[in-house]
Structures are given as C-alpha cells and as structure tokens.
Amino acid sequence: TLMLQYEELLHNPATREPVMEGMRERRNYLAELF
C-alpha cells in the first residue's frame, strides 16, 4: 500500500530522493527487459 502514498512521499524532502531513485530503478530495469 506504500504504492498509494508515492505522491505524498515525493512531497516530503526526507523521502523524495529515495522514492524517486527506487521507482526509477524499477521502471528502467523492467523497460530494459521489455
């Protein structure tokens, strides 16, 4: 259910970068496979 909290976590300076990096890595890796 943390997936449903991305927007709020991105507005928090403490969690913005870790969330962006984690999602970027997931998106990029699966995109590379496809």
ModelCIF file with pLDDT and N, C-alpha, C, O atoms, coordinates in Angstrom:
data_MODEL
#
_entry.id   MODEL 
#
_entity.id                         1 
_entity.type                       polymer 
_entity.pdbx_number_of_molecules   1 
#
_entity_poly.entity_id                      1 
_entity_poly.type                           'polypeptide(L)' 
_entity_poly.nstd_linkage                   no 
_entity_poly.nstd_monomer                   no 
_entity_poly.pdbx_seq_one_letter_code       TLMLQYEELLHNPATREPVMEGMRERRNYLAELF 
_entity_poly.pdbx_seq_one_letter_code_can   TLMLQYEELLHNPATREPVMEGMRERRNYLAELF 
_entity_poly.pdbx_strand_id                 A 
#
loop_
_entity_poly_seq.entity_id 
_entity_poly_seq.num 
_entity_poly_seq.mon_id 
_entity_poly_seq.hetero 
1 1  THR n 
1 2  LEU n 
1 3  MET n 
1 4  LEU n 
1 5  GLN n 
1 6  TYR n 
1 7  GLU n 
1 8  GLU n 
1 9  LEU n 
1 10 LEU n 
1 11 HIS n 
1 12 ASN n 
1 13 PRO n 
1 14 ALA n 
1 15 THR n 
1 16 ARG n 
1 17 GLU n 
1 18 PRO n 
1 19 VAL n 
1 20 MET n 
1 21 GLU n 
1 22 GLY n 
1 23 MET n 
1 24 ARG n 
1 25 GLU n 
1 26 ARG n 
1 27 ARG n 
1 28 ASN n 
1 29 TYR n 
1 30 LEU n 
1 31 ALA n 
1 32 GLU n 
1 33 LEU n 
1 34 PHE n 
#
_struct_asym.id          A 
_struct_asym.entity_id   1 
#
loop_
_ma_qa_metric.id 
_ma_qa_metric.mode 
_ma_qa_metric.name 
_ma_qa_metric.software_group_id 
_ma_qa_metric.type 
1 global pLDDT . pLDDT 
2 local  pLDDT . pLDDT 
#
_ma_qa_metric_global.metric_id      1 
_ma_qa_metric_global.metric_value   96.18 
_ma_qa_metric_global.model_id       1 
_ma_qa_metric_global.ordinal_id     1 
#
loop_
_ma_qa_metric_local.label_asym_id 
_ma_qa_metric_local.label_comp_id 
_ma_qa_metric_local.label_seq_id 
_ma_qa_metric_local.metric_id 
_ma_qa_metric_local.metric_value 
_ma_qa_metric_local.model_id 
_ma_qa_metric_local.ordinal_id 
A THR 1  2 90.00 1 1  
A LEU 2  2 94.00 1 2  
A MET 3  2 93.00 1 3  
A LEU 4  2 93.00 1 4  
A GLN 5  2 94.00 1 5  
A TYR 6  2 94.00 1 6  
A GLU 7  2 94.00 1 7  
A GLU 8  2 95.00 1 8  
A LEU 9  2 96.00 1 9  
A LEU 10 2 97.00 1 10 
A HIS 11 2 96.00 1 11 
A ASN 12 2 96.00 1 12 
A PRO 13 2 97.00 1 13 
A ALA 14 2 97.00 1 14 
A THR 15 2 97.00 1 15 
A ARG 16 2 98.00 1 16 
A GLU 17 2 98.00 1 17 
A PRO 18 2 97.00 1 18 
A VAL 19 2 97.00 1 19 
A MET 20 2 97.00 1 20 
A GLU 21 2 97.00 1 21 
A GLY 22 2 97.00 1 22 
A MET 23 2 97.00 1 23 
A ARG 24 2 97.00 1 24 
A GLU 25 2 97.00 1 25 
A ARG 26 2 97.00 1 26 
A ARG 27 2 97.00 1 27 
A ASN 28 2 98.00 1 28 
A TYR 29 2 97.00 1 29 
A LEU 30 2 97.00 1 30 
A ALA 31 2 98.00 1 31 
A GLU 32 2 97.00 1 32 
A LEU 33 2 97.00 1 33 
A PHE 34 2 97.00 1 34 
#
loop_
_atom_site.group_PDB 
_atom_site.id 
_atom_site.type_symbol 
_atom_site.label_atom_id 
_atom_site.label_alt_id 
_atom_site.label_comp_id 
_atom_site.label_asym_id 
_atom_site.label_entity_id 
_atom_site.label_seq_id 
_atom_site.pdbx_PDB_ins_code 
_atom_site.Cartn_x 
_atom_site.Cartn_y 
_atom_site.Cartn_z 
_atom_site.occupancy 
_atom_site.B_iso_or_equiv 
_atom_site.pdbx_formal_charge 
_atom_site.auth_seq_id 
_atom_site.auth_comp_id 
_atom_site.auth_asym_id 
_atom_site.auth_atom_id 
_atom_site.pdbx_PDB_model_num 
ATOM 1   N N  . THR A 1 1  ? 0.815  -1.219 0.000   1.00 90.00 ? 1  THR A N  1 
ATOM 2   C CA . THR A 1 1  ? 0.000  0.000  0.000   1.00 90.00 ? 1  THR A CA 1 
ATOM 3   C C  . THR A 1 1  ? 0.850  1.272  0.000   1.00 90.00 ? 1  THR A C  1 
ATOM 4   O O  . THR A 1 1  ? 0.315  2.370  -0.158  1.00 90.00 ? 1  THR A O  1 
ATOM 5   N N  . LEU A 1 2  ? 2.155  1.139  0.173   1.00 94.00 ? 2  LEU A N  1 
ATOM 6   C CA . LEU A 1 2  ? 3.024  2.310  0.041   1.00 94.00 ? 2  LEU A CA 1 
ATOM 7   C C  . LEU A 1 2  ? 2.975  2.852  -1.384  1.00 94.00 ? 2  LEU A C  1 
ATOM 8   O O  . LEU A 1 2  ? 3.273  4.024  -1.613  1.00 94.00 ? 2  LEU A O  1 
ATOM 9   N N  . MET A 1 3  ? 2.595  1.993  -2.354  1.00 93.00 ? 3  MET A N  1 
ATOM 10  C CA . MET A 1 3  ? 2.428  2.467  -3.730  1.00 93.00 ? 3  MET A CA 1 
ATOM 11  C C  . MET A 1 3  ? 1.410  3.593  -3.803  1.00 93.00 ? 3  MET A C  1 
ATOM 12  O O  . MET A 1 3  ? 1.513  4.484  -4.646  1.00 93.00 ? 3  MET A O  1 
ATOM 13  N N  . LEU A 1 4  ? 0.431  3.546  -2.919  1.00 93.00 ? 4  LEU A N  1 
ATOM 14  C CA . LEU A 1 4  ? -0.628 4.543  -2.935  1.00 93.00 ? 4  LEU A CA 1 
ATOM 15  C C  . LEU A 1 4  ? -0.214 5.829  -2.225  1.00 93.00 ? 4  LEU A C  1 
ATOM 16  O O  . LEU A 1 4  ? -0.983 6.789  -2.176  1.00 93.00 ? 4  LEU A O  1 
ATOM 17  N N  . GLN A 1 5  ? 0.992  5.849  -1.678  1.00 94.00 ? 5  GLN A N  1 
ATOM 18  C CA . GLN A 1 5  ? 1.490  7.012  -0.933  1.00 94.00 ? 5  GLN A CA 1 
ATOM 19  C C  . GLN A 1 5  ? 2.617  7.730  -1.670  1.00 94.00 ? 5  GLN A C  1 
ATOM 20  O O  . GLN A 1 5  ? 3.233  8.640  -1.115  1.00 94.00 ? 5  GLN A O  1 
ATOM 21  N N  . TYR A 1 6  ? 2.898  7.329  -2.924  1.00 94.00 ? 6  TYR A N  1 
ATOM 22  C CA . TYR A 1 6  ? 4.033  7.910  -3.637  1.00 94.00 ? 6  TYR A CA 1 
ATOM 23  C C  . TYR A 1 6  ? 3.976  9.429  -3.692  1.00 94.00 ? 6  TYR A C  1 
ATOM 24  O O  . TYR A 1 6  ? 4.973  10.101 -3.426  1.00 94.00 ? 6  TYR A O  1 
ATOM 25  N N  . GLU A 1 7  ? 2.818  9.969  -4.033  1.00 94.00 ? 7  GLU A N  1 
ATOM 26  C CA . GLU A 1 7  ? 2.716  11.423 -4.211  1.00 94.00 ? 7  GLU A CA 1 
ATOM 27  C C  . GLU A 1 7  ? 3.093  12.167 -2.932  1.00 94.00 ? 7  GLU A C  1 
ATOM 28  O O  . GLU A 1 7  ? 3.863  13.127 -2.960  1.00 94.00 ? 7  GLU A O  1 
ATOM 29  N N  . GLU A 1 8  ? 2.538  11.710 -1.819  1.00 95.00 ? 8  GLU A N  1 
ATOM 30  C CA . GLU A 1 8  ? 2.842  12.383 -0.549  1.00 95.00 ? 8  GLU A CA 1 
ATOM 31  C C  . GLU A 1 8  ? 4.302  12.202 -0.155  1.00 95.00 ? 8  GLU A C  1 
ATOM 32  O O  . GLU A 1 8  ? 4.929  13.126 0.364   1.00 95.00 ? 8  GLU A O  1 
ATOM 33  N N  . LEU A 1 9  ? 4.837  11.021 -0.401  1.00 96.00 ? 9  LEU A N  1 
ATOM 34  C CA . LEU A 1 9  ? 6.247  10.763 -0.083  1.00 96.00 ? 9  LEU A CA 1 
ATOM 35  C C  . LEU A 1 9  ? 7.171  11.614 -0.954  1.00 96.00 ? 9  LEU A C  1 
ATOM 36  O O  . LEU A 1 9  ? 8.257  11.996 -0.518  1.00 96.00 ? 9  LEU A O  1 
ATOM 37  N N  . LEU A 1 10 ? 6.747  11.906 -2.170  1.00 97.00 ? 10 LEU A N  1 
ATOM 38  C CA . LEU A 1 10 ? 7.549  12.748 -3.056  1.00 97.00 ? 10 LEU A CA 1 
ATOM 39  C C  . LEU A 1 10 ? 7.529  14.209 -2.621  1.00 97.00 ? 10 LEU A C  1 
ATOM 40  O O  . LEU A 1 10 ? 8.426  14.974 -2.974  1.00 97.00 ? 10 LEU A O  1 
ATOM 41  N N  . HIS A 1 11 ? 6.519  14.596 -1.863  1.00 96.00 ? 11 HIS A N  1 
ATOM 42  C CA . HIS A 1 11 ? 6.452  15.972 -1.358  1.00 96.00 ? 11 HIS A CA 1 
ATOM 43  C C  . HIS A 1 11 ? 7.216  16.152 -0.052  1.00 96.00 ? 11 HIS A C  1 
ATOM 44  O O  . HIS A 1 11 ? 7.380  17.270 0.435   1.00 96.00 ? 11 HIS A O  1 
ATOM 45  N N  . ASN A 1 12 ? 7.678  15.044 0.508   1.00 96.00 ? 12 ASN A N  1 
ATOM 46  C CA . ASN A 1 12 ? 8.451  15.100 1.749   1.00 96.00 ? 12 ASN A CA 1 
ATOM 47  C C  . ASN A 1 12 ? 9.939  15.168 1.393   1.00 96.00 ? 12 ASN A C  1 
ATOM 48  O O  . ASN A 1 12 ? 10.451 14.242 0.765   1.00 96.00 ? 12 ASN A O  1 
ATOM 49  N N  . PRO A 1 13 ? 10.645 16.234 1.774   1.00 97.00 ? 13 PRO A N  1 
ATOM 50  C CA . PRO A 1 13 ? 12.065 16.360 1.422   1.00 97.00 ? 13 PRO A CA 1 
ATOM 51  C C  . PRO A 1 13 ? 12.921 15.179 1.888   1.00 97.00 ? 13 PRO A C  1 
ATOM 52  O O  . PRO A 1 13 ? 13.929 14.856 1.260   1.00 97.00 ? 13 PRO A O  1 
ATOM 53  N N  . ALA A 1 14 ? 12.522 14.538 2.983   1.00 97.00 ? 14 ALA A N  1 
ATOM 54  C CA . ALA A 1 14 ? 13.317 13.428 3.521   1.00 97.00 ? 14 ALA A CA 1 
ATOM 55  C C  . ALA A 1 14 ? 13.196 12.165 2.673   1.00 97.00 ? 14 ALA A C  1 
ATOM 56  O O  . ALA A 1 14 ? 14.136 11.375 2.593   1.00 97.00 ? 14 ALA A O  1 
ATOM 57  N N  . THR A 1 15 ? 12.046 11.976 2.046   1.00 97.00 ? 15 THR A N  1 
ATOM 58  C CA . THR A 1 15 ? 11.807 10.733 1.310   1.00 97.00 ? 15 THR A CA 1 
ATOM 59  C C  . THR A 1 15 ? 11.757 10.917 -0.204  1.00 97.00 ? 15 THR A C  1 
ATOM 60  O O  . THR A 1 15 ? 11.702 9.932  -0.940  1.00 97.00 ? 15 THR A O  1 
ATOM 61  N N  . ARG A 1 16 ? 11.776 12.141 -0.671  1.00 98.00 ? 16 ARG A N  1 
ATOM 62  C CA . ARG A 1 16 ? 11.647 12.400 -2.112  1.00 98.00 ? 16 ARG A CA 1 
ATOM 63  C C  . ARG A 1 16 ? 12.711 11.662 -2.929  1.00 98.00 ? 16 ARG A C  1 
ATOM 64  O O  . ARG A 1 16 ? 12.370 10.928 -3.857  1.00 98.00 ? 16 ARG A O  1 
ATOM 65  N N  . GLU A 1 17 ? 13.966 11.840 -2.607  1.00 98.00 ? 17 GLU A N  1 
ATOM 66  C CA . GLU A 1 17 ? 15.040 11.238 -3.406  1.00 98.00 ? 17 GLU A CA 1 
ATOM 67  C C  . GLU A 1 17 ? 15.041 9.710  -3.332  1.00 98.00 ? 17 GLU A C  1 
ATOM 68  O O  . GLU A 1 17 ? 15.175 9.059  -4.368  1.00 98.00 ? 17 GLU A O  1 
ATOM 69  N N  . PRO A 1 18 ? 14.896 9.113  -2.134  1.00 97.00 ? 18 PRO A N  1 
ATOM 70  C CA . PRO A 1 18 ? 14.860 7.641  -2.089  1.00 97.00 ? 18 PRO A CA 1 
ATOM 71  C C  . PRO A 1 18 ? 13.710 7.038  -2.892  1.00 97.00 ? 18 PRO A C  1 
ATOM 72  O O  . PRO A 1 18 ? 13.877 6.004  -3.538  1.00 97.00 ? 18 PRO A O  1 
ATOM 73  N N  . VAL A 1 19 ? 12.541 7.683  -2.853  1.00 97.00 ? 19 VAL A N  1 
ATOM 74  C CA . VAL A 1 19 ? 11.398 7.175  -3.620  1.00 97.00 ? 19 VAL A CA 1 
ATOM 75  C C  . VAL A 1 19 ? 11.655 7.329  -5.116  1.00 97.00 ? 19 VAL A C  1 
ATOM 76  O O  . VAL A 1 19 ? 11.408 6.403  -5.888  1.00 97.00 ? 19 VAL A O  1 
ATOM 77  N N  . MET A 1 20 ? 12.144 8.486  -5.523  1.00 97.00 ? 20 MET A N  1 
ATOM 78  C CA . MET A 1 20 ? 12.429 8.719  -6.943  1.00 97.00 ? 20 MET A CA 1 
ATOM 79  C C  . MET A 1 20 ? 13.457 7.722  -7.469  1.00 97.00 ? 20 MET A C  1 
ATOM 80  O O  . MET A 1 20 ? 13.297 7.168  -8.556  1.00 97.00 ? 20 MET A O  1 
ATOM 81  N N  . GLU A 1 21 ? 14.510 7.499  -6.689  1.00 97.00 ? 21 GLU A N  1 
ATOM 82  C CA . GLU A 1 21 ? 15.563 6.578  -7.116  1.00 97.00 ? 21 GLU A CA 1 
ATOM 83  C C  . GLU A 1 21 ? 15.045 5.146  -7.189  1.00 97.00 ? 21 GLU A C  1 
ATOM 84  O O  . GLU A 1 21 ? 15.333 4.426  -8.145  1.00 97.00 ? 21 GLU A O  1 
ATOM 85  N N  . GLY A 1 22 ? 14.287 4.738  -6.187  1.00 97.00 ? 22 GLY A N  1 
ATOM 86  C CA . GLY A 1 22 ? 13.755 3.379  -6.189  1.00 97.00 ? 22 GLY A CA 1 
ATOM 87  C C  . GLY A 1 22 ? 12.825 3.133  -7.355  1.00 97.00 ? 22 GLY A C  1 
ATOM 88  O O  . GLY A 1 22 ? 12.923 2.100  -8.017  1.00 97.00 ? 22 GLY A O  1 
ATOM 89  N N  . MET A 1 23 ? 11.916 4.071  -7.620  1.00 97.00 ? 23 MET A N  1 
ATOM 90  C CA . MET A 1 23 ? 10.986 3.918  -8.721  1.00 97.00 ? 23 MET A CA 1 
ATOM 91  C C  . MET A 1 23 ? 11.692 4.004  -10.069 1.00 97.00 ? 23 MET A C  1 
ATOM 92  O O  . MET A 1 23 ? 11.339 3.289  -11.008 1.00 97.00 ? 23 MET A O  1 
ATOM 93  N N  . ARG A 1 24 ? 12.679 4.872  -10.161 1.00 97.00 ? 24 ARG A N  1 
ATOM 94  C CA . ARG A 1 24 ? 13.453 4.983  -11.404 1.00 97.00 ? 24 ARG A CA 1 
ATOM 95  C C  . ARG A 1 24 ? 14.141 3.663  -11.731 1.00 97.00 ? 24 ARG A C  1 
ATOM 96  O O  . ARG A 1 24 ? 14.133 3.219  -12.879 1.00 97.00 ? 24 ARG A O  1 
ATOM 97  N N  . GLU A 1 25 ? 14.734 3.040  -10.723 1.00 97.00 ? 25 GLU A N  1 
ATOM 98  C CA . GLU A 1 25 ? 15.434 1.780  -10.951 1.00 97.00 ? 25 GLU A CA 1 
ATOM 99  C C  . GLU A 1 25 ? 14.469 0.667  -11.362 1.00 97.00 ? 25 GLU A C  1 
ATOM 100 O O  . GLU A 1 25 ? 14.779 -0.125 -12.252 1.00 97.00 ? 25 GLU A O  1 
ATOM 101 N N  . ARG A 1 26 ? 13.304 0.606  -10.719 1.00 97.00 ? 26 ARG A N  1 
ATOM 102 C CA . ARG A 1 26 ? 12.312 -0.409 -11.089 1.00 97.00 ? 26 ARG A CA 1 
ATOM 103 C C  . ARG A 1 26 ? 11.835 -0.189 -12.527 1.00 97.00 ? 26 ARG A C  1 
ATOM 104 O O  . ARG A 1 26 ? 11.795 -1.118 -13.333 1.00 97.00 ? 26 ARG A O  1 
ATOM 105 N N  . ARG A 1 27 ? 11.478 1.048  -12.823 1.00 97.00 ? 27 ARG A N  1 
ATOM 106 C CA . ARG A 1 27 ? 10.962 1.369  -14.163 1.00 97.00 ? 27 ARG A CA 1 
ATOM 107 C C  . ARG A 1 27 ? 11.999 1.073  -15.239 1.00 97.00 ? 27 ARG A C  1 
ATOM 108 O O  . ARG A 1 27 ? 11.695 0.441  -16.250 1.00 97.00 ? 27 ARG A O  1 
ATOM 109 N N  . ASN A 1 28 ? 13.224 1.535  -15.012 1.00 98.00 ? 28 ASN A N  1 
ATOM 110 C CA . ASN A 1 28 ? 14.276 1.354  -16.010 1.00 98.00 ? 28 ASN A CA 1 
ATOM 111 C C  . ASN A 1 28 ? 14.617 -0.110 -16.225 1.00 98.00 ? 28 ASN A C  1 
ATOM 112 O O  . ASN A 1 28 ? 14.812 -0.546 -17.360 1.00 98.00 ? 28 ASN A O  1 
ATOM 113 N N  . TYR A 1 29 ? 14.689 -0.872 -15.137 1.00 97.00 ? 29 TYR A N  1 
ATOM 114 C CA . TYR A 1 29 ? 15.085 -2.274 -15.276 1.00 97.00 ? 29 TYR A CA 1 
ATOM 115 C C  . TYR A 1 29 ? 14.056 -3.063 -16.082 1.00 97.00 ? 29 TYR A C  1 
ATOM 116 O O  . TYR A 1 29 ? 14.417 -3.809 -16.992 1.00 97.00 ? 29 TYR A O  1 
ATOM 117 N N  . LEU A 1 30 ? 12.773 -2.898 -15.750 1.00 97.00 ? 30 LEU A N  1 
ATOM 118 C CA . LEU A 1 30 ? 11.742 -3.628 -16.489 1.00 97.00 ? 30 LEU A CA 1 
ATOM 119 C C  . LEU A 1 30 ? 11.666 -3.128 -17.928 1.00 97.00 ? 30 LEU A C  1 
ATOM 120 O O  . LEU A 1 30 ? 11.403 -3.913 -18.840 1.00 97.00 ? 30 LEU A O  1 
ATOM 121 N N  . ALA A 1 31 ? 11.891 -1.840 -18.143 1.00 98.00 ? 31 ALA A N  1 
ATOM 122 C CA . ALA A 1 31 ? 11.908 -1.297 -19.504 1.00 98.00 ? 31 ALA A CA 1 
ATOM 123 C C  . ALA A 1 31 ? 13.035 -1.924 -20.317 1.00 98.00 ? 31 ALA A C  1 
ATOM 124 O O  . ALA A 1 31 ? 12.865 -2.218 -21.500 1.00 98.00 ? 31 ALA A O  1 
ATOM 125 N N  . GLU A 1 32 ? 14.180 -2.127 -19.681 1.00 97.00 ? 32 GLU A N  1 
ATOM 126 C CA . GLU A 1 32 ? 15.311 -2.765 -20.369 1.00 97.00 ? 32 GLU A CA 1 
ATOM 127 C C  . GLU A 1 32 ? 14.968 -4.200 -20.765 1.00 97.00 ? 32 GLU A C  1 
ATOM 128 O O  . GLU A 1 32 ? 15.314 -4.646 -21.859 1.00 97.00 ? 32 GLU A O  1 
ATOM 129 N N  . LEU A 1 33 ? 14.289 -4.920 -19.876 1.00 97.00 ? 33 LEU A N  1 
ATOM 130 C CA . LEU A 1 33 ? 13.890 -6.287 -20.193 1.00 97.00 ? 33 LEU A CA 1 
ATOM 131 C C  . LEU A 1 33 ? 12.914 -6.307 -21.368 1.00 97.00 ? 33 LEU A C  1 
ATOM 132 O O  . LEU A 1 33 ? 13.046 -7.121 -22.282 1.00 97.00 ? 33 LEU A O  1 
ATOM 133 N N  . PHE A 1 34 ? 11.941 -5.411 -21.335 1.00 97.00 ? 34 PHE A N  1 
ATOM 134 C CA . PHE A 1 34 ? 10.971 -5.359 -22.427 1.00 97.00 ? 34 PHE A CA 1 
ATOM 135 C C  . PHE A 1 34 ? 11.643 -4.948 -23.738 1.00 97.00 ? 34 PHE A C  1 
ATOM 136 O O  . PHE A 1 34 ? 10.976 -4.851 -24.769 1.00 97.00 ? 34 PHE A O  1 
#
